Amino acid sequence: MHDDTSLTIARARRVLAERIIPAIYPQSLPLEVAAHPLPGEPIAPADGLALDYCPHTVGTEWGPAWGTTWFRIRGQVPTDWAGKHVELRIDLGFDTSMTGFQCEGQVYRADGHGVKSLNPRNQWIPVADAAAGGEDIELFIEAASNPVLLEHHPFLPTAQGDVRSSSPTPLYTTKTMDLVTRDLAVYELSLDLEVLLELQAELPEAPRRFRILQALDDALDVLDLARIGDTAAAARAALAGVLAQPAEASAHRLAAIGHAHIDSAWLWPLRETIRKVARTTSSMLELIDSDPDFIYGMSSAQQYKWLKDQHPGLYARIKQAVANGRFVPLGGMWVESDTVMPSGESLVRQFLYGQRFFQEEFGITCHGAWLPDSFGYSPALPQLMSRAGLDWFFTQKISWNQTNTFPHHSFDWEGIDGSRVPTHFPPMDTYNAQLSGHEVALAARQFRESRRASSSIAPVGWGDGGGGTTREMASKAQRLKDLEGSPRVSWEHPDSFYARTAAELPNPAVWVGELYLELHRATLTSQHLTKAGNRRTEQLLVEAELWATTAATRTPYDYPYQELDALWEAVLLHQFHDILPGTSIAWVHREAVAEYARITAAAQALITAAQTALTDPGDVELVLNPAPITRNGIPPGGSCPLAKLPAPGPAVTAVQDAYGIRLSNELVSINVDTNGLITSAIDLASGRETIAPGQCANLLQLHQDFPNQWDAWDVDAFYRNRVTDLVAADSVELSTDAEGSARITVQRSFCASHITQELVLAPGARMLEITQHTDWQEVETFLKVAFPLDIRAEHSIAETQFGYLKRPTHVNTSWEAAKFETSMHRFVLLKEPGFGAAVLNDSSYGYDLTREAADARVSTTVRISLLRAPRFPDPHTDQGLHTHRYGLLIGADIASATAAGIALNTPERRITGRYAFPPLVELDGEGLLLSAVKLAADRSGEVIVRLYESLGRRCTGMLRVNADLESVSTVSLLEEPLADGEPVFTETGHVELSLGAFEVRTLRLRLRD
């Protein structure tokens, strides 16, 4: 028999595209259309329905960038359409080759009920009842003319990313606004053919594929191309046999969950995300109503809260669907946050606020963390997920690795403390699955645990304004439920998938440490003002809670629950994985910087109010210590009169000559040359030099920064091939202050930019602190500051949440080589036996590290990443004024680096009051640090104390409570009781502690009135 495979496939594809799909809508009538363009920001739906409308001709341009146009559509179902399936087809000017990132619409009835959304792949509106014909139709469309910023030629600089600079020219032209009939037999035939065409393309040259090809020919033979509607049923009958063949017993199983990955901000502002969420959820509710098997999942408590506040009717429908098990809250977090840069306490609050919202609103807590798209995952997460009541973790992003293929899909992920969490990566390598034949076959083919496990997850639906799961996807799922040659597809709650996987993999593979994404490394640096705002505000809120808790337990001061919750929610929102990483449009980051300023002012006001309550008005100069380390003899959370502070050590000696300046105190001696570069940094006790021979530290370096794609996201390894050292200084000046510190002020100009540095050595300090003010006017340029250290370090030790992470300094394998830009929090430490040095910072997260050898002597250079200047999606990224504070700690170990990093980021406070006060709680034990002191979220008045072990070893200690303690218990991160008992405490209020390495412990204290 001749091979007619290609002939059959080409025939089926052309008939499907050119005859069958156009025949789905055999009848159409134009609708009466009127429009009202808004001059500014969106308005409430009720106000939109009440607008005055003017006639609109289909084919007319509408909508400038970021504008909103309300359309009113009217029509009447013809009487001869009685009994037919009637819909509206609306094309606002969509580009169907893209699923989101463009104009969108939300459909409302005249009573304000949200019907569903309109998107490129979802252009239909149901007509409620057309059984008799003659029905009148009146609907309204809130149409958003969002500009397309990720074009077919992506990453081009654009002014459209901010309403302040975008063009007023209309972007879209309406194409179709018709009343139509939908031929269900033709529609179903189109999906039969699509599924079979996609399936056969993935099958081997074997009987199953040949039977499908023959069935396609048989169906097309009975299909009259001039009478598609009349013969569609017969064509379907010819396909019924091959569609009825059941899957093999060993077929892979896909646990499908409806999904619409909606970035809480990205190529659109936050206000547009609220509308995207409303549009998508209205469509998903419509699909839930029409398909009894469909289950939809949505993460991010923030997005639910937006709906609750701004779309209460829609939210009420969601609550009912959640109660029915059809609409599934996922993730247990406030947003799908970045997990690398937020502080440990911030990640705790992501879970606390997220889980609390779901519990209060729906009576449930989530069992898993759902983070498909964040840019790498901190090794602190497994413990935090576990202590927040989460049993599993889901992501897909690691499949984006540039260099190495991750070896597992279902495995246990082990964090820095030893906690393990069951983890799954979908082998179809997407979180926007369409259930295409290629996707489902890829899932089965790639699944690495297939020897023992039977299934993987399929998140199904278009994201980012694409509208979620379509009815076509749901129809495909129905056909793929049990189909020979294909994985079995069923809608399923992820909890069920993880339970099944746990039974099938009782001893899964284990991945230890961070889940490093070998891509998007520059997100640790882009948009410095956003990152600095995050670092500052998350610290200020912890401080505000500390003083407010101390005041509320000792004075009539009212703890500001509502204000603190609102501020935390704002900080958590801006930790979303396209805001904090610096990858959103200019509009988003402009608003973020303004929001951080608002949060800072509000937090400062709360701090002032609590401190005033604690000290009473007076004229005594007081020093307060908000940091979790003792400073100047003041314990954390305590205060002392300035006059009683220990006297500072001897003033720093500063000697200037023709070769530069030498700064010395009793601990270190530092040489700075005539260009302001550090040529020597000696630990006086050991005589050990810190700077590598012949090298200079505090060396600013510029790199050409033009990655192959994803400008704000990526830095590619070849950036190192071009470097300019900023050696020459405009001026170098020495000064001293009344406290005995010596200050070297360095001015540098380069290209169009200018930098002022202040290098300060204080009495008794091991750290040379550098404050840098940069007027940054560069484009596509990467600024780093280098510290070449005379240390043969086998690992870098970088602070992460509630501990640190060791990374090899070598590049023996492709896994190490791929980590050419990595993350830190407040410090990175390099050490060899007997000596170490740390580089600290107050607002940076990225660094790189290289090893150099000269004369058989290996040194290690660490460089902090300071500023970038990518042009997409914000063409003016980082341009303007910036302040960085960083430092070199000489003779460092983990404990001293941790303490110095804390001190740099948490300054003392000096106020005037009547008297000093002791801390509410005091913590003893080497390596033990407080993370938070606050009142319980349930507003019971009980005190929450969170602490952790910071040195990476088991320890014991004591918590002293300077109040009348009634009881204490160990609780979860959600501040709920645990089953493993209570810690022992004495009648004097001492709580005995025993913690494992990097363990996070949360205590709940009940004080007597």
Foldseek 3Di string as FASTA:
>chain_A
DDDCLVVLLVVLVCCLVPFLVVVQWVDKDFWWKWKDKDPDADDALVVLLPDDTDGDDAQDFDAFAQTKMKMKTKDWFAQVCAPFFKKKFWDFFADLVDLAQFKKKWKAASVGDTQAIDTSVRGIGGDPDRNRTGDMDIMMITMTGHHRQQDVVHQDFDQSLAPVRGDRDGDGGIHGTIMTTGLVLSVLLSLLSQQLSLLLVLDDPDDLSVLSSVLSVVLVVQQDSVCNSVRSVVSVVSSVVQLPDFADPQFFAAAEAWEAAAFCFFSHANVVSLVLLVNQLSNVLVVVVVDVFHAHEDEALLSLVSCVVRPVVSSVSLLVCVVVVRYHYDAQFNALFAAFAAFLVLRLNRNQVSQVSCCVRRVDGHQEHERADFQWHFLVPLQQCVLSNHAAYEYLQLCQAPFDHDQAAWFWEAGLQGHTHTYGHQQLRDLADLPGSSSQSSSRVRHNVSVFARYHYHHYAHYNSSRIHDVSSVSSLVSQCTGYSTHHYGHDDVVVVVVRVCVRCVPGHYDYGISHRLWLLLLLAWQLLLLLLLLQLVLLLQLLQQLLLQLVQPFVRDRPLPLSVVLSSLSSSCSRRCRSSNRHGPNHSVVSSVSSVVSVVSSVVSNVVSVCSVFPADFFKKWAACFQPQDQNAHHQWMDGPVPRDQFAAFWDWDQDQQAIWTDAPFWIWGAGFQRWTQWIAGVVVRDTWADPPDTFQKKKKWQADDPDSRSRGGDPCRVVDMDTQRHWPGWDWDADPSRKIWIWTWGDDDPKIKIKIFIDGHPAQKTKIKMKIQDDDARMWMKTKGKTQAPFQWKWAATHLETDTDGQDPPDVVNVSPQKFFHHFWIKGHDPPFIKIKGKQRGTIKGKHWDDDPNGIIMMIMTTHHGQRSPPYHGIPRGIDMMMMIMRGRDDQQVSVVVSSCVHGDMDIDGGNDIDGRQKGKDKPQKTWDHWRAQSVPPSKIKTKIWRYHFAKIKIKMAGPAQWDDKAWGRSNRHHDDPTGFDDDNRRITIDIDGGSDMTMMITDGDD
